[in-house]
Amino acid sequence: AAKAEAAAANARLEVETSEDELRTALERLVIAERSVEHAAEAHRIVSRKYEGGLATVVELLDASATETRTRLERSAAIYRVIEAGARRALALGGDPGVFAVLDETLSRNRAEADAE
């Protein structure tokens, strides 16, 4: 009986932990999305300034590098959401493999959005 209670408590803890991890990962993804938006806008502004002779090539490259870095950070945030979601599904007794489809869909949607 004690072992069963310990196993049940462990399972509840795993579910709660996975829920917290997923919530945190989703919050970080929202922040990463905003960072990409801001960096893309900053890059656009610096590009216009550069075209008008009001910004240096160093400023342009810095803005480009910042945008690239934020896009990479967003990709890492997406991965963390998928990973946390899979752990949550597993903790609830579900199939974590369903998140492979989410990974493909998010990657495709992101590539299309970035191409615009």
PDB file of N, CA and C in Angstrom:
ATOM      1  N   ALA A   1       0.832  -1.194   0.000  1.00  0.00           N
ATOM      2  CA  ALA A   1       0.000   0.000   0.000  1.00  0.00           C
ATOM      3  C   ALA A   1       0.874   1.255   0.000  1.00  0.00           C
ATOM      4  N   ALA A   2       1.958   1.209   0.763  1.00  0.00           N
ATOM      5  CA  ALA A   2       2.849   2.369   0.841  1.00  0.00           C
ATOM      6  C   ALA A   2       3.524   2.618  -0.503  1.00  0.00           C
ATOM      7  N   LYS A   3       3.886   1.524  -1.184  1.00  0.00           N
ATOM      8  CA  LYS A   3       4.516   1.671  -2.497  1.00  0.00           C
ATOM      9  C   LYS A   3       3.533   2.258  -3.509  1.00  0.00           C
ATOM     10  N   ALA A   4       2.285   1.832  -3.433  1.00  0.00           N
ATOM     11  CA  ALA A   4       1.264   2.345  -4.353  1.00  0.00           C
ATOM     12  C   ALA A   4       1.023   3.827  -4.108  1.00  0.00           C
ATOM     13  N   GLU A   5       0.981   4.227  -2.841  1.00  0.00           N
ATOM     14  CA  GLU A   5       0.794   5.641  -2.506  1.00  0.00           C
ATOM     15  C   GLU A   5       1.983   6.468  -2.983  1.00  0.00           C
ATOM     16  N   ALA A   6       3.177   5.934  -2.810  1.00  0.00           N
ATOM     17  CA  ALA A   6       4.382   6.642  -3.256  1.00  0.00           C
ATOM     18  C   ALA A   6       4.389   6.780  -4.770  1.00  0.00           C
ATOM     19  N   ALA A   7       3.986   5.733  -5.467  1.00  0.00           N
ATOM     20  CA  ALA A   7       3.937   5.786  -6.930  1.00  0.00           C
ATOM     21  C   ALA A   7       2.898   6.802  -7.399  1.00  0.00           C
ATOM     22  N   ALA A   8       1.746   6.840  -6.734  1.00  0.00           N
ATOM     23  CA  ALA A   8       0.701   7.800  -7.098  1.00  0.00           C
ATOM     24  C   ALA A   8       1.174   9.230  -6.836  1.00  0.00           C
ATOM     25  N   ALA A   9       1.842   9.433  -5.715  1.00  0.00           N
ATOM     26  CA  ALA A   9       2.365  10.768  -5.396  1.00  0.00           C
ATOM     27  C   ALA A   9       3.419  11.183  -6.413  1.00  0.00           C
ATOM     28  N   ASN A  10       4.251  10.239  -6.804  1.00  0.00           N
ATOM     29  CA  ASN A  10       5.283  10.517  -7.802  1.00  0.00           C
ATOM     30  C   ASN A  10       4.649  10.874  -9.148  1.00  0.00           C
ATOM     31  N   ALA A  11       3.599  10.162  -9.513  1.00  0.00           N
ATOM     32  CA  ALA A  11       2.906  10.436 -10.776  1.00  0.00           C
ATOM     33  C   ALA A  11       2.264  11.819 -10.748  1.00  0.00           C
ATOM     34  N   ARG A  12       1.636  12.178  -9.621  1.00  0.00           N
ATOM     35  CA  ARG A  12       1.037  13.515  -9.500  1.00  0.00           C
ATOM     36  C   ARG A  12       2.100  14.601  -9.609  1.00  0.00           C
ATOM     37  N   LEU A  13       3.230  14.373  -8.977  1.00  0.00           N
ATOM     38  CA  LEU A  13       4.324  15.343  -9.039  1.00  0.00           C
ATOM     39  C   LEU A  13       4.828  15.492 -10.472  1.00  0.00           C
ATOM     40  N   GLU A  14       4.933  14.387 -11.170  1.00  0.00           N
ATOM     41  CA  GLU A  14       5.384  14.424 -12.564  1.00  0.00           C
ATOM     42  C   GLU A  14       4.406  15.212 -13.441  1.00  0.00           C
ATOM     43  N   VAL A  15       3.119  15.017 -13.219  1.00  0.00           N
ATOM     44  CA  VAL A  15       2.100  15.753 -13.978  1.00  0.00           C
ATOM     45  C   VAL A  15       2.191  17.245 -13.666  1.00  0.00           C
ATOM     46  N   GLU A  16       2.293  17.597 -12.391  1.00  0.00           N
ATOM     47  CA  GLU A  16       2.386  19.008 -11.999  1.00  0.00           C
ATOM     48  C   GLU A  16       3.648  19.657 -12.550  1.00  0.00           C
ATOM     49  N   THR A  17       4.760  18.944 -12.465  1.00  0.00           N
ATOM     50  CA  THR A  17       6.026  19.472 -12.974  1.00  0.00           C
ATOM     51  C   THR A  17       5.954  19.688 -14.477  1.00  0.00           C
ATOM     52  N   SER A  18       5.389  18.722 -15.183  1.00  0.00           N
ATOM     53  CA  SER A  18       5.297  18.859 -16.641  1.00  0.00           C
ATOM     54  C   SER A  18       4.371  20.011 -17.022  1.00  0.00           C
ATOM     55  N   GLU A  19       3.328  20.238 -16.238  1.00  0.00           N
ATOM     56  CA  GLU A  19       2.423  21.365 -16.497  1.00  0.00           C
ATOM     57  C   GLU A  19       3.161  22.695 -16.313  1.00  0.00           C
ATOM     58  N   ASP A  20       3.936  22.804 -15.244  1.00  0.00           N
ATOM     59  CA  ASP A  20       4.721  24.022 -15.000  1.00  0.00           C
ATOM     60  C   ASP A  20       5.737  24.254 -16.110  1.00  0.00           C
ATOM     61  N   GLU A  21       6.410  23.186 -16.536  1.00  0.00           N
ATOM     62  CA  GLU A  21       7.409  23.310 -17.604  1.00  0.00           C
ATOM     63  C   GLU A  21       6.764  23.767 -18.909  1.00  0.00           C
ATOM     64  N   LEU A  22       5.594  23.230 -19.220  1.00  0.00           N
ATOM     65  CA  LEU A  22       4.902  23.620 -20.448  1.00  0.00           C
ATOM     66  C   LEU A  22       4.454  25.076 -20.376  1.00  0.00           C
ATOM     67  N   ARG A  23       3.906  25.482 -19.249  1.00  0.00           N
ATOM     68  CA  ARG A  23       3.467  26.868 -19.085  1.00  0.00           C
ATOM     69  C   ARG A  23       4.650  27.824 -19.250  1.00  0.00           C
ATOM     70  N   THR A  24       5.764  27.504 -18.621  1.00  0.00           N
ATOM     71  CA  THR A  24       6.961  28.341 -18.724  1.00  0.00           C
ATOM     72  C   THR A  24       7.462  28.398 -20.159  1.00  0.00           C
ATOM     73  N   ALA A  25       7.486  27.261 -20.827  1.00  0.00           N
ATOM     74  CA  ALA A  25       7.955  27.218 -22.219  1.00  0.00           C
ATOM     75  C   ALA A  25       7.063  28.059 -23.123  1.00  0.00           C
ATOM     76  N   LEU A  26       5.757  28.010 -22.900  1.00  0.00           N
ATOM     77  CA  LEU A  26       4.832  28.811 -23.705  1.00  0.00           C
ATOM     78  C   LEU A  26       5.029  30.307 -23.449  1.00  0.00           C
ATOM     79  N   GLU A  27       5.248  30.674 -22.197  1.00  0.00           N
ATOM     80  CA  GLU A  27       5.500  32.081 -21.867  1.00  0.00           C
ATOM     81  C   GLU A  27       6.782  32.567 -22.540  1.00  0.00           C
ATOM     82  N   ARG A  28       7.798  31.735 -22.530  1.00  0.00           N
ATOM     83  CA  ARG A  28       9.063  32.114 -23.174  1.00  0.00           C
ATOM     84  C   ARG A  28       8.911  32.219 -24.690  1.00  0.00           C
ATOM     85  N   LEU A  29       8.056  31.394 -25.262  1.00  0.00           N
ATOM     86  CA  LEU A  29       7.812  31.475 -26.701  1.00  0.00           C
ATOM     87  C   LEU A  29       7.143  32.801 -27.061  1.00  0.00           C
ATOM     88  N   VAL A  30       6.207  33.242 -26.255  1.00  0.00           N
ATOM     89  CA  VAL A  30       5.552  34.532 -26.497  1.00  0.00           C
ATOM     90  C   VAL A  30       6.587  35.653 -26.470  1.00  0.00           C
ATOM     91  N   ILE A  31       7.482  35.607 -25.504  1.00  0.00           N
ATOM     92  CA  ILE A  31       8.538  36.620 -25.403  1.00  0.00           C
ATOM     93  C   ILE A  31       9.452  36.551 -26.619  1.00  0.00           C
ATOM     94  N   ALA A  32       9.805  35.344 -27.027  1.00  0.00           N
ATOM     95  CA  ALA A  32      10.683  35.175 -28.193  1.00  0.00           C
ATOM     96  C   ALA A  32      10.021  35.707 -29.456  1.00  0.00           C
ATOM     97  N   GLU A  33       8.724  35.484 -29.604  1.00  0.00           N
ATOM     98  CA  GLU A  33       7.996  36.003 -30.772  1.00  0.00           C
ATOM     99  C   GLU A  33       8.054  37.527 -30.799  1.00  0.00           C
ATOM    100  N   ARG A  34       7.846  38.154 -29.650  1.00  0.00           N
ATOM    101  CA  ARG A  34       7.918  39.621 -29.578  1.00  0.00           C
ATOM    102  C   ARG A  34       9.319  40.110 -29.919  1.00  0.00           C
ATOM    103  N   SER A  35      10.322  39.402 -29.431  1.00  0.00           N
ATOM    104  CA  SER A  35      11.706  39.794 -29.713  1.00  0.00           C
ATOM    105  C   SER A  35      11.991  39.760 -31.205  1.00  0.00           C
ATOM    106  N   VAL A  36      11.491  38.741 -31.888  1.00  0.00           N
ATOM    107  CA  VAL A  36      11.686  38.648 -33.338  1.00  0.00           C
ATOM    108  C   VAL A  36      11.002  39.820 -34.029  1.00  0.00           C
ATOM    109  N   GLU A  37       9.786  40.120 -33.619  1.00  0.00           N
ATOM    110  CA  GLU A  37       9.062  41.246 -34.229  1.00  0.00           C
ATOM    111  C   GLU A  37       9.831  42.553 -34.063  1.00  0.00           C
ATOM    112  N   HIS A  38      10.328  42.796 -32.854  1.00  0.00           N
ATOM    113  CA  HIS A  38      11.072  44.034 -32.588  1.00  0.00           C
ATOM    114  C   HIS A  38      12.376  44.081 -33.374  1.00  0.00           C
ATOM    115  N   ALA A  39      13.082  42.962 -33.400  1.00  0.00           N
ATOM    116  CA  ALA A  39      14.362  42.921 -34.115  1.00  0.00           C
ATOM    117  C   ALA A  39      14.163  43.076 -35.617  1.00  0.00           C
ATOM    118  N   ALA A  40      13.111  42.480 -36.149  1.00  0.00           N
ATOM    119  CA  ALA A  40      12.834  42.610 -37.585  1.00  0.00           C
ATOM    120  C   ALA A  40      12.501  44.054 -37.934  1.00  0.00           C
ATOM    121  N   GLU A  41      11.724  44.703 -37.083  1.00  0.00           N
ATOM    122  CA  GLU A  41      11.382  46.107 -37.321  1.00  0.00           C
ATOM    123  C   GLU A  41      12.624  46.993 -37.210  1.00  0.00           C
ATOM    124  N   ALA A  42      13.459  46.729 -36.220  1.00  0.00           N
ATOM    125  CA  ALA A  42      14.695  47.503 -36.070  1.00  0.00           C
ATOM    126  C   ALA A  42      15.593  47.311 -37.286  1.00  0.00           C
ATOM    127  N   HIS A  43      15.676  46.091 -37.775  1.00  0.00           N
ATOM    128  CA  HIS A  43      16.492  45.808 -38.954  1.00  0.00           C
ATOM    129  C   HIS A  43      15.943  46.552 -40.173  1.00  0.00           C
ATOM    130  N   ARG A  44      14.624  46.562 -40.314  1.00  0.00           N
ATOM    131  CA  ARG A  44      13.993  47.279 -41.421  1.00  0.00           C
ATOM    132  C   ARG A  44      14.318  48.775 -41.355  1.00  0.00           C
ATOM    133  N   ILE A  45      14.244  49.346 -40.165  1.00  0.00           N
ATOM    134  CA  ILE A  45      14.526  50.774 -39.991  1.00  0.00           C
ATOM    135  C   ILE A  45      15.977  51.082 -40.321  1.00  0.00           C
ATOM    136  N   VAL A  46      16.893  50.271 -39.793  1.00  0.00           N
ATOM    137  CA  VAL A  46      18.320  50.496 -40.059  1.00  0.00           C
ATOM    138  C   VAL A  46      18.616  50.312 -41.546  1.00  0.00           C
ATOM    139  N   SER A  47      17.955  49.348 -42.179  1.00  0.00           N
ATOM    140  CA  SER A  47      18.156  49.149 -43.626  1.00  0.00           C
ATOM    141  C   SER A  47      17.754  50.394 -44.407  1.00  0.00           C
ATOM    142  N   ARG A  48      16.633  50.976 -44.044  1.00  0.00           N
ATOM    143  CA  ARG A  48      16.189  52.208 -44.714  1.00  0.00           C
ATOM    144  C   ARG A  48      17.179  53.349 -44.463  1.00  0.00           C
ATOM    145  N   LYS A  49      17.645  53.442 -43.229  1.00  0.00           N
ATOM    146  CA  LYS A  49      18.630  54.484 -42.907  1.00  0.00           C
ATOM    147  C   LYS A  49      19.906  54.274 -43.714  1.00  0.00           C
ATOM    148  N   TYR A  50      20.328  53.020 -43.824  1.00  0.00           N
ATOM    149  CA  TYR A  50      21.541  52.705 -44.574  1.00  0.00           C
ATOM    150  C   TYR A  50      21.371  53.088 -46.042  1.00  0.00           C
ATOM    151  N   GLU A  51      20.209  52.753 -46.598  1.00  0.00           N
ATOM    152  CA  GLU A  51      19.933  53.107 -47.995  1.00  0.00           C
ATOM    153  C   GLU A  51      19.962  54.620 -48.200  1.00  0.00           C
ATOM    154  N   GLY A  52      19.598  55.372 -47.175  1.00  0.00           N
ATOM    155  CA  GLY A  52      19.611  56.829 -47.257  1.00  0.00           C
ATOM    156  C   GLY A  52      20.922  57.451 -46.813  1.00  0.00           C
ATOM    157  N   GLY A  53      21.894  56.609 -46.492  1.00  0.00           N
ATOM    158  CA  GLY A  53      23.198  57.117 -46.070  1.00  0.00           C
ATOM    159  C   GLY A  53      23.238  57.603 -44.635  1.00  0.00           C
ATOM    160  N   LEU A  54      22.261  57.209 -43.822  1.00  0.00           N
ATOM    161  CA  LEU A  54      22.190  57.679 -42.435  1.00  0.00           C
ATOM    162  C   LEU A  54      22.629  56.633 -41.416  1.00  0.00           C
ATOM    163  N   ALA A  55      23.022  55.458 -41.884  1.00  0.00           N
ATOM    164  CA  ALA A  55      23.508  54.405 -40.988  1.00  0.00           C
ATOM    165  C   ALA A  55      24.727  53.763 -41.631  1.00  0.00           C
ATOM    166  N   THR A  56      25.598  53.248 -40.787  1.00  0.00           N
ATOM    167  CA  THR A  56      26.819  52.610 -41.283  1.00  0.00           C
ATOM    168  C   THR A  56      26.556  51.137 -41.581  1.00  0.00           C
ATOM    169  N   VAL A  57      27.481  50.541 -42.308  1.00  0.00           N
ATOM    170  CA  VAL A  57      27.375  49.117 -42.602  1.00  0.00           C
ATOM    171  C   VAL A  57      27.465  48.307 -41.311  1.00  0.00           C
ATOM    172  N   VAL A  58      28.215  48.803 -40.339  1.00  0.00           N
ATOM    173  CA  VAL A  58      28.323  48.108 -39.050  1.00  0.00           C
ATOM    174  C   VAL A  58      26.959  48.084 -38.353  1.00  0.00           C
ATOM    175  N   GLU A  59      26.245  49.197 -38.393  1.00  0.00           N
ATOM    176  CA  GLU A  59      24.909  49.246 -37.790  1.00  0.00           C
ATOM    177  C   GLU A  59      23.952  48.295 -38.508  1.00  0.00           C
ATOM    178  N   LEU A  60      24.068  48.249 -39.823  1.00  0.00           N
ATOM    179  CA  LEU A  60      23.226  47.355 -40.616  1.00  0.00           C
ATOM    180  C   LEU A  60      23.515  45.894 -40.278  1.00  0.00           C
ATOM    181  N   LEU A  61      24.790  45.547 -40.219  1.00  0.00           N
ATOM    182  CA  LEU A  61      25.172  44.170 -39.891  1.00  0.00           C
ATOM    183  C   LEU A  61      24.766  43.802 -38.468  1.00  0.00           C
ATOM    184  N   ASP A  62      24.885  44.755 -37.557  1.00  0.00           N
ATOM    185  CA  ASP A  62      24.487  44.508 -36.173  1.00  0.00           C
ATOM    186  C   ASP A  62      22.982  44.238 -36.088  1.00  0.00           C
ATOM    187  N   ALA A  63      22.198  45.030 -36.800  1.00  0.00           N
ATOM    188  CA  ALA A  63      20.745  44.825 -36.800  1.00  0.00           C
ATOM    189  C   ALA A  63      20.391  43.477 -37.424  1.00  0.00           C
ATOM    190  N   SER A  64      21.089  43.112 -38.476  1.00  0.00           N
ATOM    191  CA  SER A  64      20.853  41.824 -39.125  1.00  0.00           C
ATOM    192  C   SER A  64      21.216  40.672 -38.191  1.00  0.00           C
ATOM    193  N   ALA A  65      22.348  40.801 -37.521  1.00  0.00           N
ATOM    194  CA  ALA A  65      22.783  39.755 -36.590  1.00  0.00           C
ATOM    195  C   ALA A  65      21.806  39.619 -35.422  1.00  0.00           C
ATOM    196  N   THR A  66      21.308  40.743 -34.941  1.00  0.00           N
ATOM    197  CA  THR A  66      20.340  40.709 -33.844  1.00  0.00           C
ATOM    198  C   THR A  66      19.059  40.012 -34.279  1.00  0.00           C
ATOM    199  N   GLU A  67      18.602  40.318 -35.478  1.00  0.00           N
ATOM    200  CA  GLU A  67      17.393  39.658 -35.983  1.00  0.00           C
ATOM    201  C   GLU A  67      17.621  38.151 -36.118  1.00  0.00           C
ATOM    202  N   THR A  68      18.765  37.771 -36.652  1.00  0.00           N
ATOM    203  CA  THR A  68      19.078  36.343 -36.801  1.00  0.00           C
ATOM    204  C   THR A  68      19.128  35.658 -35.440  1.00  0.00           C
ATOM    205  N   ARG A  69      19.766  36.307 -34.466  1.00  0.00           N
ATOM    206  CA  ARG A  69      19.864  35.736 -33.120  1.00  0.00           C
ATOM    207  C   ARG A  69      18.479  35.539 -32.509  1.00  0.00           C
ATOM    208  N   THR A  70      17.594  36.529 -32.668  1.00  0.00           N
ATOM    209  CA  THR A  70      16.258  36.385 -32.083  1.00  0.00           C
ATOM    210  C   THR A  70      15.463  35.284 -32.782  1.00  0.00           C
ATOM    211  N   ARG A  71      15.679  35.113 -34.072  1.00  0.00           N
ATOM    212  CA  ARG A  71      14.995  34.025 -34.788  1.00  0.00           C
ATOM    213  C   ARG A  71      15.495  32.660 -34.296  1.00  0.00           C
ATOM    214  N   LEU A  72      16.788  32.561 -34.032  1.00  0.00           N
ATOM    215  CA  LEU A  72      17.336  31.312 -33.488  1.00  0.00           C
ATOM    216  C   LEU A  72      16.793  31.053 -32.089  1.00  0.00           C
ATOM    217  N   GLU A  73      16.703  32.109 -31.287  1.00  0.00           N
ATOM    218  CA  GLU A  73      16.154  31.960 -29.940  1.00  0.00           C
ATOM    219  C   GLU A  73      14.685  31.537 -29.996  1.00  0.00           C
ATOM    220  N   ARG A  74      13.946  32.051 -30.976  1.00  0.00           N
ATOM    221  CA  ARG A  74      12.553  31.648 -31.140  1.00  0.00           C
ATOM    222  C   ARG A  74      12.479  30.164 -31.510  1.00  0.00           C
ATOM    223  N   SER A  75      13.377  29.719 -32.379  1.00  0.00           N
ATOM    224  CA  SER A  75      13.398  28.297 -32.748  1.00  0.00           C
ATOM    225  C   SER A  75      13.672  27.430 -31.530  1.00  0.00           C
ATOM    226  N   ALA A  76      14.585  27.872 -30.684  1.00  0.00           N
ATOM    227  CA  ALA A  76      14.877  27.129 -29.456  1.00  0.00           C
ATOM    228  C   ALA A  76      13.659  27.122 -28.535  1.00  0.00           C
ATOM    229  N   ALA A  77      12.937  28.233 -28.483  1.00  0.00           N
ATOM    230  CA  ALA A  77      11.732  28.307 -27.649  1.00  0.00           C
ATOM    231  C   ALA A  77      10.652  27.366 -28.174  1.00  0.00           C
ATOM    232  N   ILE A  78      10.515  27.290 -29.487  1.00  0.00           N
ATOM    233  CA  ILE A  78       9.546  26.359 -30.081  1.00  0.00           C
ATOM    234  C   ILE A  78       9.919  24.923 -29.714  1.00  0.00           C
ATOM    235  N   TYR A  79      11.198  24.608 -29.812  1.00  0.00           N
ATOM    236  CA  TYR A  79      11.657  23.267 -29.450  1.00  0.00           C
ATOM    237  C   TYR A  79      11.318  22.964 -27.991  1.00  0.00           C
ATOM    238  N   ARG A  80      11.537  23.952 -27.100  1.00  0.00           N
ATOM    239  CA  ARG A  80      11.242  23.733 -25.678  1.00  0.00           C
ATOM    240  C   ARG A  80       9.743  23.497 -25.453  1.00  0.00           C
ATOM    241  N   VAL A  81       8.888  24.178 -26.210  1.00  0.00           N
ATOM    242  CA  VAL A  81       7.442  23.951 -26.089  1.00  0.00           C
ATOM    243  C   VAL A  81       7.102  22.529 -26.530  1.00  0.00           C
ATOM    244  N   ILE A  82       7.660  22.116 -27.639  1.00  0.00           N
ATOM    245  CA  ILE A  82       7.394  20.760 -28.137  1.00  0.00           C
ATOM    246  C   ILE A  82       7.894  19.719 -27.141  1.00  0.00           C
ATOM    247  N   GLU A  83       9.088  19.933 -26.635  1.00  0.00           N
ATOM    248  CA  GLU A  83       9.662  19.007 -25.661  1.00  0.00           C
ATOM    249  C   GLU A  83       8.810  18.953 -24.387  1.00  0.00           C
ATOM    250  N   ALA A  84       8.422  20.119 -23.878  1.00  0.00           N
ATOM    251  CA  ALA A  84       7.608  20.165 -22.658  1.00  0.00           C
ATOM    252  C   ALA A  84       6.224  19.565 -22.903  1.00  0.00           C
ATOM    253  N   GLY A  85       5.670  19.809 -24.075  1.00  0.00           N
ATOM    254  CA  GLY A  85       4.369  19.225 -24.408  1.00  0.00           C
ATOM    255  C   GLY A  85       4.435  17.710 -24.480  1.00  0.00           C
ATOM    256  N   ALA A  86       5.504  17.203 -25.045  1.00  0.00           N
ATOM    257  CA  ALA A  86       5.674  15.749 -25.130  1.00  0.00           C
ATOM    258  C   ALA A  86       5.832  15.143 -23.736  1.00  0.00           C
ATOM    259  N   ARG A  87       6.596  15.817 -22.868  1.00  0.00           N
ATOM    260  CA  ARG A  87       6.741  15.323 -21.488  1.00  0.00           C
ATOM    261  C   ARG A  87       5.395  15.348 -20.763  1.00  0.00           C
ATOM    262  N   ARG A  88       4.618  16.389 -21.017  1.00  0.00           N
ATOM    263  CA  ARG A  88       3.286  16.496 -20.397  1.00  0.00           C
ATOM    264  C   ARG A  88       2.388  15.361 -20.891  1.00  0.00           C
ATOM    265  N   ALA A  89       2.389  15.119 -22.185  1.00  0.00           N
ATOM    266  CA  ALA A  89       1.578  14.030 -22.737  1.00  0.00           C
ATOM    267  C   ALA A  89       1.991  12.695 -22.130  1.00  0.00           C
ATOM    268  N   LEU A  90       3.285  12.482 -22.016  1.00  0.00           N
ATOM    269  CA  LEU A  90       3.787  11.239 -21.439  1.00  0.00           C
ATOM    270  C   LEU A  90       3.368  11.111 -19.974  1.00  0.00           C
ATOM    271  N   ALA A  91       3.458  12.214 -19.225  1.00  0.00           N
ATOM    272  CA  ALA A  91       3.073  12.194 -17.810  1.00  0.00           C
ATOM    273  C   ALA A  91       1.589  11.879 -17.639  1.00  0.00           C
ATOM    274  N   LEU A  92       0.784  12.274 -18.627  1.00  0.00           N
ATOM    275  CA  LEU A  92      -0.657  12.008 -18.566  1.00  0.00           C
ATOM    276  C   LEU A  92      -1.029  10.668 -19.200  1.00  0.00           C
ATOM    277  N   GLY A  93      -0.012   9.926 -19.660  1.00  0.00           N
ATOM    278  CA  GLY A  93      -0.259   8.617 -20.251  1.00  0.00           C
ATOM    279  C   GLY A  93      -0.582   8.665 -21.728  1.00  0.00           C
ATOM    280  N   GLY A  94      -0.342   9.813 -22.350  1.00  0.00           N
ATOM    281  CA  GLY A  94      -0.620   9.966 -23.775  1.00  0.00           C
ATOM    282  C   GLY A  94       0.578   9.622 -24.633  1.00  0.00           C
ATOM    283  N   ASP A  95       0.427   9.847 -25.923  1.00  0.00           N
ATOM    284  CA  ASP A  95       1.479   9.566 -26.894  1.00  0.00           C
ATOM    285  C   ASP A  95       2.267  10.844 -27.176  1.00  0.00           C
ATOM    286  N   PRO A  96       3.514  10.918 -26.730  1.00  0.00           N
ATOM    287  CA  PRO A  96       4.303  12.124 -26.993  1.00  0.00           C
ATOM    288  C   PRO A  96       4.654  12.295 -28.465  1.00  0.00           C
ATOM    289  N   GLY A  97       4.461  11.250 -29.258  1.00  0.00           N
ATOM    290  CA  GLY A  97       4.772  11.314 -30.684  1.00  0.00           C
ATOM    291  C   GLY A  97       3.897  12.285 -31.456  1.00  0.00           C
ATOM    292  N   VAL A  98       2.751  12.652 -30.896  1.00  0.00           N
ATOM    293  CA  VAL A  98       1.880  13.606 -31.593  1.00  0.00           C
ATOM    294  C   VAL A  98       2.562  14.958 -31.758  1.00  0.00           C
ATOM    295  N   PHE A  99       3.560  15.231 -30.947  1.00  0.00           N
ATOM    296  CA  PHE A  99       4.248  16.514 -31.031  1.00  0.00           C
ATOM    297  C   PHE A  99       5.209  16.584 -32.204  1.00  0.00           C
ATOM    298  N   ALA A 100       5.513  15.445 -32.816  1.00  0.00           N
ATOM    299  CA  ALA A 100       6.344  15.461 -34.025  1.00  0.00           C
ATOM    300  C   ALA A 100       5.606  16.180 -35.149  1.00  0.00           C
ATOM    301  N   VAL A 101       4.304  15.991 -35.233  1.00  0.00           N
ATOM    302  CA  VAL A 101       3.488  16.678 -36.239  1.00  0.00           C
ATOM    303  C   VAL A 101       3.488  18.173 -35.968  1.00  0.00           C
ATOM    304  N   LEU A 102       3.383  18.549 -34.702  1.00  0.00           N
ATOM    305  CA  LEU A 102       3.415  19.961 -34.324  1.00  0.00           C
ATOM    306  C   LEU A 102       4.736  20.587 -34.730  1.00  0.00           C
ATOM    307  N   ASP A 103       5.831  19.872 -34.525  1.00  0.00           N
ATOM    308  CA  ASP A 103       7.151  20.369 -34.904  1.00  0.00           C
ATOM    309  C   ASP A 103       7.198  20.661 -36.398  1.00  0.00           C
ATOM    310  N   GLU A 104       6.719  19.730 -37.207  1.00  0.00           N
ATOM    311  CA  GLU A 104       6.728  19.919 -38.665  1.00  0.00           C
ATOM    312  C   GLU A 104       5.848  21.096 -39.076  1.00  0.00           C
ATOM    313  N   THR A 105       4.677  21.200 -38.480  1.00  0.00           N
ATOM    314  CA  THR A 105       3.745  22.282 -38.818  1.00  0.00           C
ATOM    315  C   THR A 105       4.314  23.635 -38.430  1.00  0.00           C
ATOM    316  N   LEU A 106       4.842  23.735 -37.215  1.00  0.00           N
ATOM    317  CA  LEU A 106       5.422  25.005 -36.766  1.00  0.00           C
ATOM    318  C   LEU A 106       6.602  25.407 -37.630  1.00  0.00           C
ATOM    319  N   SER A 107       7.437  24.455 -37.964  1.00  0.00           N
ATOM    320  CA  SER A 107       8.603  24.753 -38.798  1.00  0.00           C
ATOM    321  C   SER A 107       8.179  25.256 -40.171  1.00  0.00           C
ATOM    322  N   ARG A 108       7.186  24.621 -40.751  1.00  0.00           N
ATOM    323  CA  ARG A 108       6.694  25.033 -42.073  1.00  0.00           C
ATOM    324  C   ARG A 108       6.061  26.424 -42.003  1.00  0.00           C
ATOM    325  N   ASN A 109       5.219  26.661 -41.001  1.00  0.00           N
ATOM    326  CA  ASN A 109       4.573  27.967 -40.849  1.00  0.00           C
ATOM    327  C   ASN A 109       5.595  29.068 -40.604  1.00  0.00           C
ATOM    328  N   ARG A 110       6.603  28.772 -39.808  1.00  0.00           N
ATOM    329  CA  ARG A 110       7.644  29.751 -39.500  1.00  0.00           C
ATOM    330  C   ARG A 110       8.421  30.098 -40.759  1.00  0.00           C
ATOM    331  N   ALA A 111       8.762  29.088 -41.547  1.00  0.00           N
ATOM    332  CA  ALA A 111       9.524  29.325 -42.783  1.00  0.00           C
ATOM    333  C   ALA A 111       8.722  30.196 -43.741  1.00  0.00           C
ATOM    334  N   GLU A 112       7.424  29.947 -43.832  1.00  0.00           N
ATOM    335  CA  GLU A 112       6.573  30.758 -44.704  1.00  0.00           C
ATOM    336  C   GLU A 112       6.477  32.190 -44.200  1.00  0.00           C
ATOM    337  N   ALA A 113       6.343  32.365 -42.896  1.00  0.00           N
ATOM    338  CA  ALA A 113       6.240  33.712 -42.323  1.00  0.00           C
ATOM    339  C   ALA A 113       7.549  34.477 -42.485  1.00  0.00           C
ATOM    340  N   ASP A 114       8.663  33.793 -42.311  1.00  0.00           N
ATOM    341  CA  ASP A 114       9.968  34.449 -42.436  1.00  0.00           C
ATOM    342  C   ASP A 114      10.270  34.835 -43.876  1.00  0.00           C
ATOM    343  N   ALA A 115       9.693  34.110 -44.833  1.00  0.00           N
ATOM    344  CA  ALA A 115       9.936  34.399 -46.247  1.00  0.00           C
ATOM    345  C   ALA A 115       9.188  35.650 -46.714  1.00  0.00           C
ATOM    346  N   GLU A 116       8.157  36.036 -45.968  1.00  0.00           N
ATOM    347  CA  GLU A 116       7.353  37.210 -46.369  1.00  0.00           C
ATOM    348  C   GLU A 116       8.062  38.508 -46.131  1.00  0.00           C
TER     349      GLU A 116
END
